[in-house]
Protein backbone atom coordinates (compact mmCIF):
# COMPACT_ATOMS: atom_id res chain seq x y z
CA MET A 1 -0.07 -0.04 0.08
CA SER A 2 0.88 3.59 -0.62
CA THR A 3 2.61 5.57 2.29
CA PRO A 4 0.88 8.32 3.38
CA ASP A 5 2.57 11.84 2.95
CA SER A 6 2.18 14.80 4.42
CA ARG A 7 0.19 16.58 1.70
CA ARG A 8 -3.64 16.91 1.68
CA PRO A 9 -5.27 13.09 1.88
CA ARG A 10 -6.66 12.03 -1.65
CA PRO A 11 -10.03 11.98 -2.34
CA LEU A 12 -12.41 9.11 -2.88
CA LEU A 13 -13.63 8.31 -5.74
CA VAL A 14 -17.23 7.83 -6.68
CA ILE A 15 -18.21 6.21 -9.55
CA TYR A 16 -22.01 6.11 -10.63
CA THR A 17 -22.93 3.60 -13.00
CA GLY A 18 -26.96 3.86 -12.26
CA GLY A 19 -29.16 1.44 -10.24
CA THR A 20 -32.33 2.28 -8.15
CA LEU A 21 -30.42 4.72 -5.85
CA GLY A 22 -30.07 7.55 -8.83
CA MET A 23 -33.42 6.64 -10.71
CA GLN A 24 -36.38 9.20 -10.84
CA GLU A 25 -40.01 8.76 -11.48
CA THR A 26 -40.40 8.80 -15.35
CA PRO A 27 -44.01 8.15 -17.19
CA ARG A 28 -43.07 4.37 -17.65
CA GLY A 29 -42.04 4.24 -14.00
CA LEU A 30 -38.44 4.46 -12.45
CA ALA A 31 -35.67 5.08 -14.71
CA PRO A 32 -31.93 6.09 -14.20
CA GLY A 33 -31.81 9.86 -13.47
CA GLY A 34 -29.06 12.53 -14.44
CA ASN A 35 -27.71 15.24 -12.22
CA ILE A 36 -26.15 12.54 -9.78
CA GLU A 37 -23.45 14.87 -8.36
CA ALA A 38 -25.40 17.42 -6.97
CA ARG A 39 -28.55 14.64 -5.93
CA LEU A 40 -26.13 12.86 -3.87
CA ALA A 41 -24.70 15.46 -2.36
CA ARG A 42 -28.11 17.11 -1.31
CA ALA A 43 -29.42 13.86 -0.11
CA LEU A 44 -25.56 13.41 2.35
CA ARG A 45 -26.57 16.84 3.22
CA GLY A 46 -29.73 15.78 5.18
CA LEU A 47 -27.99 13.06 7.02
CA PRO A 48 -27.61 14.09 10.78
CA ALA A 49 -25.09 17.07 11.33
CA GLY A 50 -22.47 15.13 13.08
CA SER A 51 -22.37 12.64 10.65
CA VAL A 52 -22.09 14.35 7.87
CA ALA A 53 -19.27 16.37 9.89
CA GLU A 54 -17.49 12.80 9.27
CA LEU A 55 -17.54 12.29 5.96
CA PRO A 56 -14.37 12.32 3.89
CA ALA A 57 -14.06 13.92 0.47
CA TYR A 58 -14.90 12.46 -2.39
CA GLU A 59 -14.95 13.25 -6.74
CA LEU A 60 -17.58 11.57 -7.92
CA LEU A 61 -17.39 10.09 -11.75
CA SER A 62 -20.68 9.44 -13.62
CA LEU A 63 -20.51 6.95 -16.04
CA SER A 64 -22.03 8.71 -19.83
CA ASN A 65 -24.77 5.81 -20.01
CA PRO A 66 -26.27 4.81 -16.64
CA ILE A 67 -28.07 1.36 -16.89
CA ASP A 68 -30.64 -0.73 -14.78
CA SER A 69 -28.35 -2.91 -13.28
CA SER A 70 -30.64 -5.84 -14.47
CA ALA A 71 -29.18 -5.10 -18.40
CA ALA A 72 -25.33 -5.30 -17.05
CA THR A 73 -23.19 -7.93 -18.97
CA PRO A 74 -19.32 -9.19 -18.73
CA ALA A 75 -18.59 -6.46 -20.64
CA ASP A 76 -20.07 -3.91 -18.45
CA TRP A 77 -17.38 -6.00 -15.51
CA SER A 78 -14.42 -5.36 -17.80
CA ARG A 79 -14.97 -1.78 -18.15
CA LEU A 80 -15.42 -1.34 -14.65
CA ALA A 81 -12.46 -2.53 -13.65
CA ALA A 82 -10.39 -0.93 -16.19
CA ILE A 83 -11.78 2.64 -15.01
CA ILE A 84 -10.62 1.66 -11.11
CA ALA A 85 -7.54 0.36 -12.54
CA ALA A 86 -6.69 3.80 -14.42
CA ARG A 87 -7.68 5.40 -11.39
CA TYR A 88 -7.04 3.79 -8.32
CA ARG A 89 -3.97 5.39 -7.52
CA ASP A 90 -5.13 8.45 -7.13
CA HIS A 91 -7.64 7.95 -4.60
CA ALA A 92 -7.60 6.55 -1.41
CA GLY A 93 -10.44 4.69 -1.94
CA ILE A 94 -13.62 3.54 -4.49
CA VAL A 95 -17.06 3.60 -4.12
CA VAL A 96 -19.28 2.22 -6.57
CA LEU A 97 -22.88 3.39 -7.27
CA HIS A 98 -24.70 0.21 -8.45
CA GLY A 99 -27.96 -1.25 -8.77
CA THR A 100 -28.69 -4.08 -6.55
CA ASP A 101 -30.06 -6.42 -8.78
CA THR A 102 -26.25 -7.68 -10.09
CA LEU A 103 -24.66 -5.85 -7.55
CA ALA A 104 -23.08 -9.14 -6.15
CA TRP A 105 -22.16 -10.37 -9.98
CA SER A 106 -20.14 -6.99 -10.20
CA ALA A 107 -18.12 -7.43 -6.82
CA ALA A 108 -17.09 -10.66 -7.47
CA SER A 109 -15.60 -9.96 -11.16
CA LEU A 110 -14.03 -6.74 -9.43
CA ALA A 111 -12.66 -9.28 -7.48
CA TYR A 112 -10.63 -11.60 -9.72
CA GLN A 113 -10.21 -8.45 -11.72
CA LEU A 114 -8.58 -6.51 -9.48
CA GLN A 115 -6.69 -8.84 -7.14
CA GLY A 116 -4.11 -7.67 -4.79
CA ILE A 117 -5.60 -4.13 -4.95
CA ASP A 118 -4.10 -2.01 -2.15
CA ARG A 119 -7.09 0.01 -1.06
CA PRO A 120 -10.80 -0.13 -0.78
CA VAL A 121 -13.37 -0.42 -2.93
CA VAL A 122 -16.76 -0.38 -1.55
CA LEU A 123 -19.75 -1.22 -3.85
CA THR A 124 -23.68 0.04 -2.24
CA GLY A 125 -26.46 0.63 -4.07
CA ALA A 126 -30.22 1.30 -2.53
CA MET A 127 -33.70 -0.19 -2.16
CA LYS A 128 -35.33 3.35 -2.75
CA PRO A 129 -33.89 6.04 -4.81
CA LEU A 130 -32.38 9.20 -3.26
CA GLU A 131 -35.53 11.46 -3.12
CA ALA A 132 -38.15 8.98 -2.31
CA PRO A 133 -39.42 8.84 1.45
CA ASP A 134 -37.24 6.53 3.66
CA SER A 135 -34.68 6.29 1.19
CA ASP A 136 -32.25 4.29 2.40
CA ALA A 137 -29.49 5.43 -0.56
CA ALA A 138 -27.75 8.31 1.90
CA GLY A 139 -27.00 6.13 4.62
CA ASN A 140 -25.69 3.25 2.47
CA VAL A 141 -23.69 5.84 0.38
CA ALA A 142 -22.23 7.14 3.64
CA LEU A 143 -21.22 3.86 4.83
CA ALA A 144 -19.29 2.95 2.11
CA LEU A 145 -17.44 6.10 2.26
CA ARG A 146 -16.53 5.54 5.71
CA PHE A 147 -15.06 1.92 4.96
CA ALA A 148 -13.92 3.33 1.91
CA ALA A 149 -11.49 5.41 3.58
CA ASN A 150 -10.49 2.83 5.86
CA PRO A 151 -6.72 1.92 4.35
CA ALA A 152 -7.20 -1.23 6.39
CA LEU A 153 -9.62 -2.59 4.06
CA GLN A 154 -7.75 -4.49 0.97
CA GLU A 155 -10.54 -5.79 -1.07
CA ILE A 156 -13.36 -5.88 -2.88
CA ALA A 157 -16.52 -5.50 -0.39
CA ILE A 158 -20.50 -4.24 -0.37
CA ALA A 159 -21.70 -1.88 2.13
CA PHE A 160 -25.44 -2.24 2.65
CA GLY A 161 -28.17 -2.30 5.76
CA GLY A 162 -25.33 -1.09 8.24
CA ARG A 163 -23.25 -4.03 7.54
CA LEU A 164 -20.13 -4.55 5.10
CA LEU A 165 -19.41 -7.93 3.31
CA ARG A 166 -17.24 -9.47 1.36
CA GLY A 167 -18.05 -9.16 -2.92
CA VAL A 168 -17.19 -12.10 -3.81
CA CYS A 169 -18.82 -13.63 -0.84
CA THR A 170 -22.39 -11.85 -1.21
CA ARG A 171 -25.90 -12.30 -2.86
CA LYS A 172 -28.87 -10.44 -2.82
CA TRP A 173 -30.85 -12.31 -0.73
CA HIS A 174 -34.15 -10.29 -0.33
CA THR A 175 -36.08 -8.25 -2.68
CA ARG A 176 -37.55 -5.03 -1.00
CA ASP A 177 -35.94 -5.13 2.82
CA ALA A 178 -33.27 -2.64 3.71
CA ILE A 179 -30.84 -5.54 4.87
CA ALA A 180 -30.76 -7.07 1.26
CA PHE A 181 -28.08 -8.67 1.04
CA GLU A 182 -25.96 -11.74 3.21
CA SER A 183 -22.40 -13.85 2.58
CA PRO A 184 -24.20 -17.24 3.52
CA ASN A 185 -20.60 -18.77 3.84
CA ALA A 186 -18.31 -15.63 5.02
CA PRO A 187 -18.30 -13.60 7.87
CA LEU A 188 -19.01 -9.77 8.00
CA LEU A 189 -16.19 -7.69 7.24
CA GLY A 190 -17.48 -4.74 9.74
CA GLU A 191 -20.50 -3.17 10.27
CA GLN A 192 -22.16 0.42 11.92
CA ILE A 193 -22.50 0.49 15.27
CA ALA A 194 -23.77 3.48 17.24
CA GLY A 195 -22.92 5.55 14.14
CA THR A 196 -19.13 4.05 13.85
CA ALA A 197 -18.43 2.07 10.76
CA ARG A 198 -16.52 -0.12 12.57
CA HIS A 199 -14.22 -2.68 10.31
CA TYR A 200 -13.11 -6.41 11.48
CA PRO A 201 -9.65 -7.06 10.06
CA GLU A 202 -9.07 -10.22 11.68
CA HIS A 203 -12.08 -11.07 8.80
CA GLY A 204 -9.66 -9.81 6.55
CA LEU A 205 -8.20 -11.70 3.32
CA ASP A 206 -4.11 -12.08 4.48
CA ARG A 207 -6.19 -13.25 8.00
CA GLU A 208 -9.10 -15.81 6.91
CA HIS A 209 -7.20 -16.83 3.80
CA GLY A 210 -3.88 -17.00 4.23
CA LEU A 211 -3.68 -14.99 0.38
CA ASP A 212 -0.49 -12.98 -0.51
CA GLN A 213 -1.11 -9.62 0.60
CA GLU A 214 2.67 -8.39 1.48
CA LYS A 215 2.09 -4.49 1.07
CA ASP A 216 5.29 -4.16 -0.70
CA ILE A 217 4.06 -6.38 -3.65
CA ALA A 218 2.17 -4.19 -6.68
CA PRO A 219 -1.50 -5.30 -7.37
CA ARG A 220 -1.92 -8.66 -9.56
CA PHE A 221 -4.68 -6.92 -11.80
CA GLU A 222 -5.96 -9.38 -14.25
CA LEU A 223 -7.89 -7.19 -16.99
CA PRO A 224 -9.07 -10.01 -19.70
CA ASP A 225 -11.73 -8.57 -22.13
CA TYR A 226 -14.86 -10.63 -21.17
CA ALA A 227 -17.03 -9.40 -24.34
CA PRO A 228 -16.33 -12.36 -26.83
CA LEU A 229 -17.65 -14.35 -23.72
CA GLY A 230 -20.85 -12.28 -24.19
CA ASP A 231 -23.02 -14.41 -26.46
CA GLY A 232 -23.57 -17.41 -24.29
CA GLY A 233 -19.88 -18.18 -23.81
CA VAL A 234 -21.05 -19.69 -20.06
CA ALA A 235 -24.02 -20.72 -19.19
CA ARG A 236 -25.50 -21.84 -15.55
CA ILE A 237 -27.59 -24.34 -15.59
CA ALA A 238 -29.87 -25.40 -12.47
CA LEU A 239 -30.88 -28.71 -12.00
CA TRP A 240 -34.53 -29.61 -11.59
CA PRO A 241 -36.40 -33.72 -11.11
CA GLY A 242 -37.19 -34.65 -14.20
CA ILE A 243 -34.26 -32.90 -16.39
CA SER A 244 -33.66 -34.75 -19.55
CA THR A 245 -29.91 -35.77 -21.39
CA ARG A 246 -31.64 -33.80 -24.27
CA GLN A 247 -32.14 -30.56 -22.47
CA LEU A 248 -28.78 -30.53 -21.26
CA ALA A 249 -27.11 -31.24 -23.97
CA ALA A 250 -28.69 -28.43 -25.80
CA TRP A 251 -26.66 -26.57 -23.48
CA LEU A 252 -23.72 -27.99 -23.49
CA ASN A 253 -22.85 -28.66 -27.24
CA ASP A 254 -23.79 -25.74 -28.44
CA PRO A 255 -20.08 -24.41 -30.10
CA ARG A 256 -20.57 -20.98 -28.60
CA LEU A 257 -20.28 -22.22 -24.83
CA LYS A 258 -16.93 -22.49 -23.47
CA GLY A 259 -17.97 -23.18 -19.96
CA ALA A 260 -21.03 -23.89 -17.54
CA LEU A 261 -21.96 -23.75 -13.91
CA PHE A 262 -23.95 -26.95 -12.87
CA GLU A 263 -26.14 -26.38 -9.57
CA VAL A 264 -26.74 -30.00 -8.43
CA TRP A 265 -28.64 -30.49 -5.31
CA GLY A 266 -27.54 -31.08 -1.57
CA ALA A 267 -23.54 -31.69 -1.14
CA GLY A 268 -23.40 -32.77 -4.99
CA ASN A 269 -25.63 -34.97 -6.29
CA LEU A 270 -27.63 -35.63 -9.22
CA PRO A 271 -29.71 -38.03 -10.91
CA ASP A 272 -28.63 -41.69 -11.43
CA ASP A 273 -28.68 -41.03 -15.46
CA PRO A 274 -25.48 -42.50 -17.30
CA ALA A 275 -26.62 -40.38 -20.21
CA LEU A 276 -26.69 -37.09 -18.13
CA LEU A 277 -22.84 -38.01 -17.13
CA GLU A 278 -22.00 -38.83 -20.66
CA GLN A 279 -23.06 -35.19 -21.90
CA LEU A 280 -20.83 -33.51 -19.04
CA THR A 281 -17.99 -35.99 -19.80
CA ARG A 282 -18.21 -35.43 -23.41
CA ALA A 283 -18.44 -31.48 -22.57
CA SER A 284 -15.01 -31.70 -20.39
CA THR A 285 -13.64 -34.01 -22.82
CA ASP A 286 -13.85 -31.09 -25.63
CA GLY A 287 -12.36 -28.66 -23.47
CA LYS A 288 -15.09 -27.07 -21.76
CA LEU A 289 -14.80 -25.52 -18.03
CA ILE A 290 -17.59 -27.09 -16.26
CA ALA A 291 -18.30 -26.36 -12.57
CA ALA A 292 -20.42 -27.54 -10.00
CA ILE A 293 -22.03 -25.98 -7.20
CA SER A 294 -24.72 -26.51 -4.73
CA GLN A 295 -28.07 -25.19 -4.83
CA CYS A 296 -28.17 -24.74 -0.76
CA PRO A 297 -26.99 -21.32 0.02
CA HIS A 298 -25.22 -22.67 2.95
CA GLY A 299 -22.36 -25.57 2.78
CA THR A 300 -19.94 -26.86 0.62
CA ILE A 301 -20.06 -29.38 -2.20
CA SER A 302 -18.41 -32.69 -1.74
CA PRO A 303 -19.37 -34.66 -4.69
CA GLY A 304 -17.54 -38.07 -3.39
CA ASP A 305 -19.73 -38.26 -0.22
CA TYR A 306 -22.96 -40.12 -1.96
CA ALA A 307 -22.42 -42.66 -5.01
CA ALA A 308 -25.22 -40.51 -6.71
CA GLY A 309 -22.82 -37.50 -6.94
CA GLN A 310 -19.34 -39.56 -8.01
CA GLY A 311 -20.16 -38.94 -11.78
CA LEU A 312 -19.60 -35.47 -11.42
CA THR A 313 -15.70 -36.04 -10.40
CA ASP A 314 -15.76 -39.19 -12.85
CA ALA A 315 -17.07 -36.93 -15.25
CA GLY A 316 -14.72 -34.05 -14.61
CA VAL A 317 -16.40 -31.43 -13.41
CA LEU A 318 -14.87 -29.23 -10.96
CA ALA A 319 -16.05 -28.80 -7.39
CA GLY A 320 -17.00 -25.31 -6.49
CA GLY A 321 -17.18 -25.67 -2.80
CA ALA A 322 -18.91 -23.43 -0.93
CA MET A 323 -18.83 -20.22 -3.56
CA THR A 324 -21.99 -18.57 -4.45
CA PRO A 325 -23.37 -18.79 -8.07
CA GLU A 326 -21.95 -15.09 -8.44
CA ALA A 327 -18.51 -15.73 -7.47
CA ALA A 328 -18.44 -19.53 -9.34
CA LEU A 329 -19.79 -18.09 -12.86
CA THR A 330 -17.75 -14.85 -13.17
CA LYS A 331 -14.66 -16.68 -12.02
CA LEU A 332 -15.24 -19.11 -14.73
CA VAL A 333 -16.08 -16.18 -16.78
CA HIS A 334 -12.55 -14.64 -15.79
CA LEU A 335 -10.58 -17.62 -16.66
CA LEU A 336 -12.05 -18.68 -19.58
CA ALA A 337 -11.21 -14.85 -21.22
CA GLN A 338 -7.55 -15.33 -20.51
CA PRO A 339 -5.22 -17.26 -22.67
CA LEU A 340 -4.82 -20.11 -20.40
CA GLU A 341 -3.83 -24.09 -21.18
CA ASP A 342 -6.79 -25.96 -19.76
CA ALA A 343 -4.84 -27.86 -17.03
CA GLU A 344 -4.05 -24.18 -15.54
CA ARG A 345 -7.68 -22.97 -15.78
CA ARG A 346 -8.57 -26.19 -13.97
CA ARG A 347 -6.00 -25.50 -10.95
CA ARG A 348 -6.91 -21.91 -10.72
CA PHE A 349 -10.80 -22.96 -10.31
CA LEU A 350 -9.76 -24.98 -7.34
CA ALA A 351 -7.24 -22.35 -5.82
CA PRO A 352 -8.57 -19.58 -3.70
CA LEU A 353 -7.44 -16.33 -5.67
CA VAL A 354 -9.65 -13.73 -3.56
CA GLY A 355 -11.37 -15.27 -0.62
CA GLU A 356 -14.19 -17.02 -3.14
CA ARG A 357 -13.80 -20.80 -1.51
């Protein structure tokens, strides 16, 4: 991490990408609104006076075409990471204002692209727009700003509903509740207690996962172009009772498919159907990167525990451990976007890169 000097502290960078936080009413309902800098400043001034006075200085960058996050694509993940990589050294930390629908997906992808980041990158959003009655927007942004000003936080995180969560371990958990996000298999990185943003450094990447976080080592950014995978390059396939080999083949035999996330039952079970396993084996043999996670939100996958799951291992399907769907699929995209040998892709998928496993 850069050593502070005697000059004025560098301001945070706030990047506005769109989402409910900045939306305004239109004849067709809520839509991304403009003039976000003045609107955000006005909303923050409406917080309790003591809270406003403690907020760190920031500069705001609004993307030229803010979107509803439900329209986000892997190419958007690439563009956002490139912006942060180009600007982060000029700022003490980064806050990304993002729609909640795919916020966890963007956070997971940024974690893989910005490996080794030496300052905070905190994503947040809101369940209600800035000007809505009882909006949570200003409170979430203030929380994100406080955590983004903490140099001890050196990873991608999500600040929402009074809590700080590891970005690559987080899922949107509720459609309307102000506490909309959970990290089902990872502890909190921090939380707001009596108006104070309290960080838990013992839950950081270097403590929890033994990852290489030496402060004198430059960040290990990986910024591949995800756009070529945007046209069906990676699929997410959830098992359901009665799934047929024909249906699975329709996905796996598509020549545009480079990888797939297979969501199985329990600790790694799937139907006792040799034809279905044959399709998975063929896809793996053809060089497609196939991984499996459990449909259960809590716990890890252990395909060898039951005979019904042993076939996954035999078919060359990679076990995703306790990864969330967001973490597993964005990791597949990230690895497939790089010029790696198949064996190296498989090794890296099974390795914890950013605390995702």
